[in-house]
Amino acid sequence: MFTRRPGSQRLLLPTLLLAMIGAVSASADGSDVVPTRDPATGLMSWKYEGDGLGIELLQVPPDFIRASYSARDLPAAVSEAVATRCVFGTIVRNISDRQLQYRVADWRYTAADGIEKPIKTKSEWLEEWHGMGVRFSWSILADDSVFAVGDWIQGFTTMPEPHGSVVNLRVVWSIEGVRYEKWLPNLQCAPAPAAG
């Protein structure tokens, strides 16, 4: 049984606020986003796990995009539309014990100019490709998804930024109606292919 002391409520609220601010600022700096460099390829990846979400972003070089799209006999215009962007292979996992949902339309990124910009969704890519007469839906991360416990999905996340540039990505998800967001800072786009 809880007893209430006079003035205890006045102390409790500031203490709770300080604890909440401390928890938010502890992860707001991105220290819980783990970067890794593949020793064989030199490519970078970033991994975050928290609040029921597991997400990993891997640099995707433009030559890989061109080769994989060409192998599917897609027109050069389609592969160039993607290969000239900053592309991350994105793996999203539900690591919570409840249902998780995300919508790419809620995600934002910032680049050197500091302006928040939307991520181009799979539906937007498909509309563009269908306008070119291409019926291809593979590769881009699904617009939105609802995950049971342990479910995962993967696909490309694209941003119209130059190769080698640095972006910050804000991912948004919800678990049973509770909204979460996380900035993944200092993600470096894959470098441009070497000339020659």
N, C-alpha and C. Protein backbone atom coordinates (compact mmCIF):
# COMPACT_ATOMS: atom_id res chain seq x y z
N MET A 1 0.84 -1.17 0.00
CA MET A 1 0.00 0.00 0.00
C MET A 1 0.89 1.24 0.00
N PHE A 2 0.53 2.19 -0.85
CA PHE A 2 1.29 3.43 -0.94
C PHE A 2 0.69 4.48 -0.02
N THR A 3 1.57 5.18 0.66
CA THR A 3 1.11 6.32 1.45
C THR A 3 1.61 7.58 0.79
N ARG A 4 0.91 8.63 1.01
CA ARG A 4 1.25 9.89 0.35
C ARG A 4 1.72 10.88 1.40
N ARG A 5 2.92 11.38 1.19
CA ARG A 5 3.44 12.40 2.08
C ARG A 5 3.12 13.76 1.51
N PRO A 6 2.90 14.75 2.32
CA PRO A 6 2.66 16.09 1.81
C PRO A 6 3.86 16.56 0.97
N GLY A 7 3.57 17.11 -0.20
CA GLY A 7 4.62 17.63 -1.08
C GLY A 7 5.31 16.56 -1.92
N SER A 8 4.96 15.29 -1.72
CA SER A 8 5.64 14.23 -2.48
C SER A 8 5.33 14.32 -3.97
N GLN A 9 4.15 14.76 -4.32
CA GLN A 9 3.78 14.88 -5.73
C GLN A 9 4.63 15.95 -6.41
N ARG A 10 4.95 17.00 -5.70
CA ARG A 10 5.78 18.06 -6.28
C ARG A 10 7.17 17.55 -6.60
N LEU A 11 7.69 16.63 -5.82
CA LEU A 11 9.02 16.07 -6.07
C LEU A 11 8.98 14.97 -7.11
N LEU A 12 7.91 14.21 -7.15
CA LEU A 12 7.80 13.07 -8.04
C LEU A 12 7.79 13.50 -9.50
N LEU A 13 7.01 14.49 -9.86
CA LEU A 13 6.90 14.90 -11.26
C LEU A 13 8.24 15.38 -11.81
N PRO A 14 8.95 16.31 -11.14
CA PRO A 14 10.26 16.71 -11.68
C PRO A 14 11.24 15.55 -11.77
N THR A 15 11.20 14.64 -10.80
CA THR A 15 12.09 13.50 -10.83
C THR A 15 11.79 12.61 -12.02
N LEU A 16 10.49 12.35 -12.28
CA LEU A 16 10.11 11.55 -13.44
C LEU A 16 10.51 12.23 -14.73
N LEU A 17 10.30 13.53 -14.84
CA LEU A 17 10.69 14.26 -16.05
C LEU A 17 12.18 14.17 -16.28
N LEU A 18 12.98 14.35 -15.23
CA LEU A 18 14.43 14.24 -15.38
C LEU A 18 14.84 12.84 -15.82
N ALA A 19 14.20 11.83 -15.27
CA ALA A 19 14.50 10.46 -15.66
C ALA A 19 14.15 10.22 -17.12
N MET A 20 12.99 10.74 -17.55
CA MET A 20 12.58 10.57 -18.95
C MET A 20 13.52 11.32 -19.88
N ILE A 21 13.89 12.54 -19.54
CA ILE A 21 14.80 13.32 -20.38
C ILE A 21 16.15 12.61 -20.46
N GLY A 22 16.61 12.08 -19.34
CA GLY A 22 17.87 11.35 -19.34
C GLY A 22 17.81 10.13 -20.23
N ALA A 23 16.69 9.41 -20.20
CA ALA A 23 16.55 8.22 -21.04
C ALA A 23 16.53 8.59 -22.51
N VAL A 24 15.82 9.66 -22.86
CA VAL A 24 15.74 10.08 -24.26
C VAL A 24 17.09 10.58 -24.74
N SER A 25 17.75 11.41 -23.94
CA SER A 25 19.01 11.98 -24.41
C SER A 25 20.12 10.94 -24.43
N ALA A 26 19.98 9.88 -23.63
CA ALA A 26 21.01 8.85 -23.65
C ALA A 26 21.07 8.16 -25.00
N SER A 27 19.93 8.02 -25.68
CA SER A 27 19.94 7.36 -26.98
C SER A 27 19.81 8.35 -28.12
N ALA A 28 19.52 9.61 -27.83
CA ALA A 28 19.33 10.60 -28.90
C ALA A 28 20.62 10.90 -29.63
N ASP A 29 21.76 10.65 -28.99
CA ASP A 29 23.03 10.94 -29.64
C ASP A 29 23.46 9.85 -30.62
N GLY A 30 22.70 8.77 -30.68
CA GLY A 30 23.03 7.71 -31.63
C GLY A 30 24.06 6.73 -31.12
N SER A 31 24.43 6.82 -29.84
CA SER A 31 25.45 5.92 -29.32
C SER A 31 24.98 4.47 -29.29
N ASP A 32 23.68 4.25 -29.43
CA ASP A 32 23.16 2.89 -29.45
C ASP A 32 23.00 2.36 -30.87
N VAL A 33 23.47 3.11 -31.86
CA VAL A 33 23.51 2.66 -33.25
C VAL A 33 24.92 2.14 -33.49
N VAL A 34 25.03 0.86 -33.84
CA VAL A 34 26.33 0.21 -33.94
C VAL A 34 26.78 0.15 -35.40
N PRO A 35 27.88 0.85 -35.74
CA PRO A 35 28.42 0.76 -37.10
C PRO A 35 29.40 -0.41 -37.22
N THR A 36 29.44 -1.01 -38.39
CA THR A 36 30.35 -2.11 -38.66
C THR A 36 30.89 -1.97 -40.08
N ARG A 37 32.16 -2.25 -40.27
CA ARG A 37 32.75 -2.26 -41.62
C ARG A 37 33.08 -3.71 -41.99
N ASP A 38 32.59 -4.15 -43.14
CA ASP A 38 32.89 -5.49 -43.63
C ASP A 38 34.35 -5.52 -44.10
N PRO A 39 35.19 -6.37 -43.49
CA PRO A 39 36.60 -6.36 -43.85
C PRO A 39 36.86 -6.80 -45.30
N ALA A 40 35.98 -7.62 -45.85
CA ALA A 40 36.18 -8.11 -47.21
C ALA A 40 35.81 -7.06 -48.26
N THR A 41 34.72 -6.32 -48.03
CA THR A 41 34.23 -5.38 -49.04
C THR A 41 34.52 -3.92 -48.70
N GLY A 42 34.74 -3.65 -47.41
CA GLY A 42 34.92 -2.27 -46.97
C GLY A 42 33.62 -1.53 -46.80
N LEU A 43 32.49 -2.18 -47.09
CA LEU A 43 31.19 -1.52 -46.97
C LEU A 43 30.75 -1.45 -45.51
N MET A 44 30.02 -0.39 -45.21
CA MET A 44 29.55 -0.13 -43.84
C MET A 44 28.11 -0.61 -43.67
N SER A 45 27.79 -0.93 -42.42
CA SER A 45 26.40 -1.19 -42.03
C SER A 45 26.19 -0.59 -40.64
N TRP A 46 24.93 -0.34 -40.31
CA TRP A 46 24.56 0.23 -39.02
C TRP A 46 23.40 -0.57 -38.47
N LYS A 47 23.45 -0.85 -37.16
CA LYS A 47 22.42 -1.68 -36.54
C LYS A 47 21.91 -0.99 -35.28
N TYR A 48 20.59 -1.03 -35.12
CA TYR A 48 19.95 -0.50 -33.92
C TYR A 48 18.93 -1.51 -33.44
N GLU A 49 18.87 -1.72 -32.13
CA GLU A 49 17.83 -2.52 -31.50
C GLU A 49 17.33 -1.78 -30.28
N GLY A 50 16.04 -1.51 -30.26
CA GLY A 50 15.45 -0.84 -29.11
C GLY A 50 13.96 -0.65 -29.29
N ASP A 51 13.24 -0.56 -28.18
CA ASP A 51 11.79 -0.35 -28.20
C ASP A 51 11.09 -1.30 -29.16
N GLY A 52 11.54 -2.55 -29.17
CA GLY A 52 10.88 -3.59 -29.94
C GLY A 52 11.28 -3.68 -31.40
N LEU A 53 12.10 -2.75 -31.87
CA LEU A 53 12.51 -2.71 -33.28
C LEU A 53 13.96 -3.12 -33.43
N GLY A 54 14.23 -3.94 -34.42
CA GLY A 54 15.59 -4.20 -34.85
C GLY A 54 15.69 -3.71 -36.29
N ILE A 55 16.66 -2.87 -36.58
CA ILE A 55 16.84 -2.38 -37.94
C ILE A 55 18.32 -2.37 -38.28
N GLU A 56 18.63 -2.81 -39.48
CA GLU A 56 20.00 -2.79 -39.97
C GLU A 56 20.00 -2.15 -41.35
N LEU A 57 20.94 -1.25 -41.58
CA LEU A 57 21.08 -0.58 -42.87
C LEU A 57 22.47 -0.88 -43.41
N LEU A 58 22.53 -1.33 -44.66
CA LEU A 58 23.80 -1.69 -45.29
C LEU A 58 24.00 -0.85 -46.53
N GLN A 59 25.20 -0.32 -46.72
CA GLN A 59 25.49 0.42 -47.93
C GLN A 59 25.30 -0.48 -49.15
N VAL A 60 24.65 0.06 -50.18
CA VAL A 60 24.49 -0.68 -51.44
C VAL A 60 25.17 0.14 -52.53
N PRO A 61 26.26 -0.38 -53.10
CA PRO A 61 26.98 0.36 -54.13
C PRO A 61 26.16 0.45 -55.42
N PRO A 62 26.35 1.53 -56.18
CA PRO A 62 25.59 1.70 -57.42
C PRO A 62 25.83 0.58 -58.43
N ASP A 63 27.04 0.03 -58.47
CA ASP A 63 27.31 -1.05 -59.42
C ASP A 63 26.50 -2.31 -59.09
N PHE A 64 26.24 -2.54 -57.81
CA PHE A 64 25.41 -3.68 -57.42
C PHE A 64 23.98 -3.49 -57.93
N ILE A 65 23.45 -2.27 -57.78
CA ILE A 65 22.10 -1.98 -58.29
C ILE A 65 22.05 -2.22 -59.79
N ARG A 66 23.01 -1.66 -60.50
CA ARG A 66 23.03 -1.81 -61.97
C ARG A 66 23.09 -3.28 -62.37
N ALA A 67 23.95 -4.05 -61.72
CA ALA A 67 24.11 -5.46 -62.07
C ALA A 67 22.85 -6.26 -61.76
N SER A 68 22.26 -6.05 -60.58
CA SER A 68 21.09 -6.85 -60.21
C SER A 68 19.87 -6.47 -61.05
N TYR A 69 19.70 -5.20 -61.38
CA TYR A 69 18.57 -4.81 -62.22
C TYR A 69 18.78 -5.25 -63.66
N SER A 70 20.01 -5.18 -64.13
CA SER A 70 20.33 -5.62 -65.49
C SER A 70 20.09 -7.13 -65.63
N ALA A 71 20.41 -7.89 -64.59
CA ALA A 71 20.20 -9.34 -64.61
C ALA A 71 18.72 -9.69 -64.75
N ARG A 72 17.85 -8.75 -64.43
CA ARG A 72 16.41 -8.97 -64.56
C ARG A 72 15.86 -8.30 -65.82
N ASP A 73 16.78 -7.92 -66.72
CA ASP A 73 16.43 -7.30 -68.00
C ASP A 73 15.62 -6.02 -67.85
N LEU A 74 15.89 -5.27 -66.81
CA LEU A 74 15.20 -3.99 -66.63
C LEU A 74 15.90 -2.92 -67.46
N PRO A 75 15.15 -1.95 -67.97
CA PRO A 75 15.76 -0.89 -68.76
C PRO A 75 16.78 -0.10 -67.94
N ALA A 76 17.77 0.43 -68.63
CA ALA A 76 18.81 1.22 -67.97
C ALA A 76 18.21 2.40 -67.21
N ALA A 77 17.12 2.97 -67.71
CA ALA A 77 16.48 4.11 -67.04
C ALA A 77 16.02 3.73 -65.64
N VAL A 78 15.56 2.50 -65.46
CA VAL A 78 15.10 2.04 -64.14
C VAL A 78 16.30 1.86 -63.22
N SER A 79 17.33 1.16 -63.69
CA SER A 79 18.49 0.93 -62.82
C SER A 79 19.20 2.24 -62.49
N GLU A 80 19.30 3.16 -63.45
CA GLU A 80 19.96 4.44 -63.18
C GLU A 80 19.16 5.30 -62.20
N ALA A 81 17.83 5.21 -62.27
CA ALA A 81 17.00 5.99 -61.34
C ALA A 81 17.30 5.61 -59.89
N VAL A 82 17.62 4.34 -59.66
CA VAL A 82 17.94 3.88 -58.31
C VAL A 82 19.44 4.01 -58.04
N ALA A 83 20.28 3.60 -59.00
CA ALA A 83 21.73 3.55 -58.79
C ALA A 83 22.35 4.93 -58.56
N THR A 84 21.71 5.97 -59.03
CA THR A 84 22.26 7.32 -58.84
C THR A 84 21.87 7.93 -57.50
N ARG A 85 21.15 7.19 -56.68
CA ARG A 85 20.73 7.64 -55.35
C ARG A 85 21.59 7.00 -54.27
N CYS A 86 21.41 7.51 -53.08
CA CYS A 86 21.95 6.88 -51.88
C CYS A 86 21.01 5.72 -51.54
N VAL A 87 21.53 4.51 -51.49
CA VAL A 87 20.70 3.32 -51.27
C VAL A 87 21.26 2.52 -50.10
N PHE A 88 20.35 2.14 -49.21
CA PHE A 88 20.69 1.24 -48.11
C PHE A 88 19.83 0.00 -48.21
N GLY A 89 20.47 -1.17 -48.11
CA GLY A 89 19.71 -2.39 -47.90
C GLY A 89 19.21 -2.33 -46.47
N THR A 90 17.91 -2.49 -46.30
CA THR A 90 17.29 -2.27 -44.99
C THR A 90 16.61 -3.55 -44.53
N ILE A 91 16.95 -3.98 -43.33
CA ILE A 91 16.32 -5.15 -42.72
C ILE A 91 15.61 -4.67 -41.46
N VAL A 92 14.30 -4.89 -41.41
CA VAL A 92 13.49 -4.48 -40.26
C VAL A 92 12.98 -5.74 -39.58
N ARG A 93 13.14 -5.81 -38.25
CA ARG A 93 12.70 -6.98 -37.49
C ARG A 93 11.86 -6.55 -36.29
N ASN A 94 10.89 -7.37 -35.98
CA ASN A 94 10.12 -7.18 -34.75
C ASN A 94 10.79 -8.00 -33.65
N ILE A 95 11.43 -7.31 -32.72
CA ILE A 95 12.10 -8.02 -31.61
C ILE A 95 11.31 -7.85 -30.31
N SER A 96 10.07 -7.34 -30.44
CA SER A 96 9.22 -7.18 -29.26
C SER A 96 8.42 -8.45 -29.02
N ASP A 97 7.61 -8.43 -27.99
CA ASP A 97 6.73 -9.57 -27.72
C ASP A 97 5.29 -9.25 -28.13
N ARG A 98 5.13 -8.20 -28.95
CA ARG A 98 3.81 -7.80 -29.44
C ARG A 98 3.90 -7.43 -30.92
N GLN A 99 2.77 -7.15 -31.52
CA GLN A 99 2.72 -6.78 -32.94
C GLN A 99 3.37 -5.41 -33.16
N LEU A 100 4.14 -5.29 -34.23
CA LEU A 100 4.84 -4.05 -34.57
C LEU A 100 4.43 -3.63 -35.98
N GLN A 101 4.36 -2.32 -36.21
CA GLN A 101 3.99 -1.79 -37.52
C GLN A 101 4.86 -0.58 -37.86
N TYR A 102 5.18 -0.42 -39.14
CA TYR A 102 5.87 0.79 -39.60
C TYR A 102 5.25 1.26 -40.91
N ARG A 103 5.50 2.53 -41.24
CA ARG A 103 5.11 3.12 -42.53
C ARG A 103 6.27 3.97 -43.02
N VAL A 104 6.83 3.63 -44.17
CA VAL A 104 7.95 4.41 -44.71
C VAL A 104 7.54 5.86 -44.93
N ALA A 105 6.26 6.12 -45.21
CA ALA A 105 5.79 7.49 -45.41
C ALA A 105 6.00 8.36 -44.16
N ASP A 106 6.16 7.74 -42.99
CA ASP A 106 6.41 8.48 -41.75
C ASP A 106 7.90 8.74 -41.52
N TRP A 107 8.76 8.06 -42.27
CA TRP A 107 10.20 8.20 -42.08
C TRP A 107 10.69 9.48 -42.73
N ARG A 108 11.75 10.05 -42.20
CA ARG A 108 12.36 11.26 -42.75
C ARG A 108 13.88 11.11 -42.68
N TYR A 109 14.54 11.91 -43.49
CA TYR A 109 16.00 11.95 -43.41
C TYR A 109 16.47 13.39 -43.54
N THR A 110 17.67 13.63 -43.06
CA THR A 110 18.33 14.92 -43.27
C THR A 110 19.69 14.64 -43.88
N ALA A 111 20.14 15.58 -44.69
CA ALA A 111 21.48 15.51 -45.28
C ALA A 111 22.24 16.75 -44.85
N ALA A 112 23.21 17.16 -45.61
CA ALA A 112 24.07 18.29 -45.24
C ALA A 112 23.29 19.58 -45.03
N ASP A 113 22.18 19.76 -45.75
CA ASP A 113 21.40 21.01 -45.62
C ASP A 113 20.56 21.06 -44.35
N GLY A 114 20.43 19.91 -43.63
CA GLY A 114 19.69 19.86 -42.37
C GLY A 114 18.18 19.87 -42.50
N ILE A 115 17.66 19.87 -43.72
CA ILE A 115 16.21 19.91 -43.93
C ILE A 115 15.65 18.49 -43.92
N GLU A 116 14.56 18.28 -43.15
CA GLU A 116 13.91 16.96 -43.13
C GLU A 116 13.19 16.73 -44.45
N LYS A 117 13.44 15.56 -45.04
CA LYS A 117 12.84 15.21 -46.32
C LYS A 117 12.22 13.82 -46.21
N PRO A 118 11.16 13.55 -46.99
CA PRO A 118 10.55 12.22 -46.96
C PRO A 118 11.38 11.20 -47.75
N ILE A 119 11.14 9.95 -47.43
CA ILE A 119 11.74 8.84 -48.16
C ILE A 119 10.79 8.47 -49.30
N LYS A 120 11.33 8.21 -50.47
CA LYS A 120 10.49 7.78 -51.60
C LYS A 120 10.00 6.37 -51.30
N THR A 121 8.69 6.17 -51.34
CA THR A 121 8.10 4.88 -50.97
C THR A 121 8.11 3.91 -52.15
N LYS A 122 7.89 2.66 -51.83
CA LYS A 122 7.79 1.63 -52.87
C LYS A 122 6.66 1.96 -53.84
N SER A 123 5.52 2.41 -53.33
CA SER A 123 4.39 2.77 -54.21
C SER A 123 4.78 3.87 -55.19
N GLU A 124 5.56 4.84 -54.72
CA GLU A 124 6.02 5.92 -55.61
C GLU A 124 6.98 5.39 -56.67
N TRP A 125 7.87 4.48 -56.27
CA TRP A 125 8.76 3.86 -57.26
C TRP A 125 7.95 3.07 -58.28
N LEU A 126 6.99 2.27 -57.81
CA LEU A 126 6.21 1.44 -58.74
C LEU A 126 5.43 2.30 -59.73
N GLU A 127 4.88 3.40 -59.26
CA GLU A 127 4.15 4.30 -60.16
C GLU A 127 5.10 4.84 -61.25
N GLU A 128 6.30 5.21 -60.84
CA GLU A 128 7.29 5.70 -61.81
C GLU A 128 7.66 4.60 -62.81
N TRP A 129 7.93 3.41 -62.30
CA TRP A 129 8.32 2.30 -63.18
C TRP A 129 7.19 1.88 -64.09
N HIS A 130 5.97 1.83 -63.58
CA HIS A 130 4.82 1.47 -64.42
C HIS A 130 4.65 2.49 -65.54
N GLY A 131 4.94 3.76 -65.24
CA GLY A 131 4.89 4.80 -66.28
C GLY A 131 5.91 4.55 -67.38
N MET A 132 6.96 3.79 -67.07
CA MET A 132 7.98 3.42 -68.07
C MET A 132 7.63 2.09 -68.74
N GLY A 133 6.49 1.51 -68.36
CA GLY A 133 6.09 0.22 -68.92
C GLY A 133 6.73 -0.97 -68.22
N VAL A 134 7.29 -0.76 -67.04
CA VAL A 134 7.98 -1.83 -66.31
C VAL A 134 7.08 -2.33 -65.19
N ARG A 135 6.85 -3.63 -65.17
CA ARG A 135 6.06 -4.26 -64.11
C ARG A 135 7.00 -5.04 -63.19
N PHE A 136 7.66 -4.30 -62.34
CA PHE A 136 8.68 -4.88 -61.46
C PHE A 136 8.43 -4.35 -60.07
N SER A 137 8.37 -5.23 -59.08
CA SER A 137 8.07 -4.74 -57.73
C SER A 137 9.08 -5.22 -56.69
N TRP A 138 10.07 -5.92 -57.13
CA TRP A 138 11.07 -6.47 -56.23
C TRP A 138 12.06 -5.39 -55.81
N SER A 139 12.64 -5.47 -54.69
CA SER A 139 13.82 -4.75 -54.20
C SER A 139 13.55 -3.61 -53.23
N ILE A 140 12.55 -2.77 -53.44
CA ILE A 140 12.33 -1.61 -52.56
C ILE A 140 11.60 -2.07 -51.30
N LEU A 141 11.99 -1.52 -50.14
CA LEU A 141 11.34 -1.86 -48.88
C LEU A 141 9.85 -1.56 -48.96
N ALA A 142 9.02 -2.48 -48.48
CA ALA A 142 7.56 -2.31 -48.51
C ALA A 142 7.14 -1.02 -47.82
N ASP A 143 6.10 -0.36 -48.37
CA ASP A 143 5.59 0.90 -47.82
C ASP A 143 5.27 0.80 -46.34
N ASP A 144 4.56 -0.24 -45.99
CA ASP A 144 4.19 -0.45 -44.59
C ASP A 144 4.04 -1.93 -44.36
N SER A 145 4.18 -2.30 -43.13
CA SER A 145 4.09 -3.71 -42.80
C SER A 145 3.67 -3.86 -41.35
N VAL A 146 2.95 -4.93 -41.10
CA VAL A 146 2.57 -5.31 -39.74
C VAL A 146 3.27 -6.63 -39.45
N PHE A 147 4.02 -6.67 -38.36
CA PHE A 147 4.83 -7.83 -38.03
C PHE A 147 4.31 -8.54 -36.79
N ALA A 148 4.20 -9.84 -36.89
CA ALA A 148 4.00 -10.65 -35.70
C ALA A 148 5.36 -10.75 -34.99
N VAL A 149 5.36 -11.26 -33.80
CA VAL A 149 6.60 -11.43 -33.04
C VAL A 149 7.59 -12.25 -33.87
N GLY A 150 8.80 -11.74 -34.02
CA GLY A 150 9.85 -12.46 -34.74
C GLY A 150 9.86 -12.24 -36.25
N ASP A 151 8.84 -11.59 -36.81
CA ASP A 151 8.80 -11.35 -38.26
C ASP A 151 9.87 -10.35 -38.68
N TRP A 152 10.23 -10.40 -39.95
CA TRP A 152 11.19 -9.45 -40.51
C TRP A 152 10.89 -9.23 -41.98
N ILE A 153 11.48 -8.17 -42.52
CA ILE A 153 11.32 -7.83 -43.94
C ILE A 153 12.59 -7.11 -44.38
N GLN A 154 12.86 -7.14 -45.68
CA GLN A 154 14.03 -6.42 -46.17
C GLN A 154 13.75 -5.81 -47.53
N GLY A 155 14.50 -4.78 -47.87
CA GLY A 155 14.40 -4.11 -49.16
C GLY A 155 15.26 -2.87 -49.15
N PHE A 156 15.29 -2.18 -50.28
CA PHE A 156 16.11 -0.97 -50.39
C PHE A 156 15.36 0.25 -49.87
N THR A 157 16.10 1.12 -49.18
CA THR A 157 15.64 2.45 -48.80
C THR A 157 16.49 3.42 -49.60
N THR A 158 15.82 4.35 -50.31
CA THR A 158 16.55 5.23 -51.23
C THR A 158 16.35 6.70 -50.88
N MET A 159 17.40 7.47 -51.10
CA MET A 159 17.36 8.92 -50.87
C MET A 159 18.10 9.61 -52.02
N PRO A 160 17.58 10.70 -52.54
CA PRO A 160 18.24 11.37 -53.67
C PRO A 160 19.44 12.21 -53.23
N GLU A 161 20.42 11.53 -52.68
CA GLU A 161 21.64 12.20 -52.20
C GLU A 161 22.84 11.59 -52.92
N PRO A 162 23.92 12.35 -53.07
CA PRO A 162 25.10 11.85 -53.78
C PRO A 162 25.78 10.69 -53.06
N HIS A 163 26.42 9.85 -53.84
CA HIS A 163 27.21 8.76 -53.26
C HIS A 163 28.27 9.35 -52.34
N GLY A 164 28.49 8.68 -51.21
CA GLY A 164 29.48 9.13 -50.24
C GLY A 164 28.98 10.19 -49.27
N SER A 165 27.77 10.71 -49.49
CA SER A 165 27.26 11.73 -48.56
C SER A 165 26.79 11.08 -47.26
N VAL A 166 26.61 11.90 -46.25
CA VAL A 166 26.19 11.42 -44.93
C VAL A 166 24.76 11.88 -44.68
N VAL A 167 23.92 10.95 -44.22
CA VAL A 167 22.52 11.26 -43.91
C VAL A 167 22.19 10.79 -42.51
N ASN A 168 21.13 11.36 -41.96
CA ASN A 168 20.55 10.92 -40.70
C ASN A 168 19.14 10.45 -41.03
N LEU A 169 18.76 9.28 -40.58
CA LEU A 169 17.46 8.70 -40.91
C LEU A 169 16.61 8.59 -39.66
N ARG A 170 15.39 9.14 -39.72
CA ARG A 170 14.44 8.97 -38.62
C ARG A 170 13.46 7.88 -39.01
N VAL A 171 13.48 6.79 -38.25
CA VAL A 171 12.53 5.71 -38.46
C VAL A 171 11.43 5.83 -37.42
N VAL A 172 10.22 5.50 -37.83
CA VAL A 172 9.05 5.60 -36.97
C VAL A 172 8.33 4.25 -37.03
N TRP A 173 7.90 3.76 -35.89
CA TRP A 173 7.15 2.51 -35.83
C TRP A 173 6.20 2.57 -34.65
N SER A 174 5.30 1.61 -34.59
CA SER A 174 4.39 1.56 -33.45
C SER A 174 4.22 0.12 -33.01
N ILE A 175 3.97 -0.02 -31.73
CA ILE A 175 3.67 -1.32 -31.14
C ILE A 175 2.36 -1.17 -30.40
N GLU A 176 1.34 -1.86 -30.91
CA GLU A 176 -0.01 -1.80 -30.34
C GLU A 176 -0.45 -0.36 -30.11
N GLY A 177 -0.25 0.49 -31.11
CA GLY A 177 -0.73 1.86 -31.06
C GLY A 177 0.19 2.85 -30.38
N VAL A 178 1.27 2.40 -29.76
CA VAL A 178 2.23 3.31 -29.13
C VAL A 178 3.31 3.64 -30.15
N ARG A 179 3.48 4.93 -30.43
CA ARG A 179 4.40 5.39 -31.47
C ARG A 179 5.82 5.57 -30.90
N TYR A 180 6.79 5.11 -31.68
CA TYR A 180 8.20 5.27 -31.34
C TYR A 180 8.91 5.90 -32.53
N GLU A 181 9.98 6.59 -32.27
CA GLU A 181 10.83 7.08 -33.36
C GLU A 181 12.28 7.08 -32.90
N LYS A 182 13.17 6.97 -33.87
CA LYS A 182 14.60 6.92 -33.57
C LYS A 182 15.36 7.54 -34.73
N TRP A 183 16.25 8.47 -34.42
CA TRP A 183 17.17 9.01 -35.42
C TRP A 183 18.39 8.10 -35.48
N LEU A 184 18.73 7.64 -36.67
CA LEU A 184 19.94 6.87 -36.91
C LEU A 184 20.93 7.83 -37.57
N PRO A 185 21.90 8.34 -36.81
CA PRO A 185 22.75 9.42 -37.32
C PRO A 185 23.97 8.92 -38.11
N ASN A 186 24.47 9.82 -38.93
CA ASN A 186 25.76 9.63 -39.61
C ASN A 186 25.85 8.36 -40.44
N LEU A 187 24.80 8.08 -41.20
CA LEU A 187 24.83 6.95 -42.12
C LEU A 187 25.50 7.43 -43.40
N GLN A 188 26.54 6.76 -43.81
CA GLN A 188 27.26 7.19 -45.01
C GLN A 188 26.79 6.40 -46.22
N CYS A 189 26.35 7.13 -47.24
CA CYS A 189 25.94 6.49 -48.48
C CYS A 189 27.14 5.77 -49.10
N ALA A 190 26.86 4.71 -49.84
CA ALA A 190 27.95 3.97 -50.49
C ALA A 190 28.76 4.91 -51.37
N PRO A 191 30.07 4.69 -51.43
CA PRO A 191 30.89 5.56 -52.28
C PRO A 191 30.59 5.32 -53.75
N ALA A 192 30.89 6.33 -54.55
CA ALA A 192 30.76 6.19 -56.00
C ALA A 192 31.81 5.19 -56.49
N PRO A 193 31.51 4.47 -57.57
CA PRO A 193 32.52 3.53 -58.08
C PRO A 193 33.77 4.27 -58.55
N ALA A 194 34.89 3.62 -58.41
CA ALA A 194 36.15 4.22 -58.85
C ALA A 194 36.13 4.39 -60.36
N ALA A 195 36.65 5.49 -60.82
CA ALA A 195 36.69 5.76 -62.27
C ALA A 195 37.68 4.81 -62.94
N GLY A 196 37.31 4.42 -64.15
CA GLY A 196 38.22 3.65 -64.97
C GLY A 196 37.99 2.21 -64.89
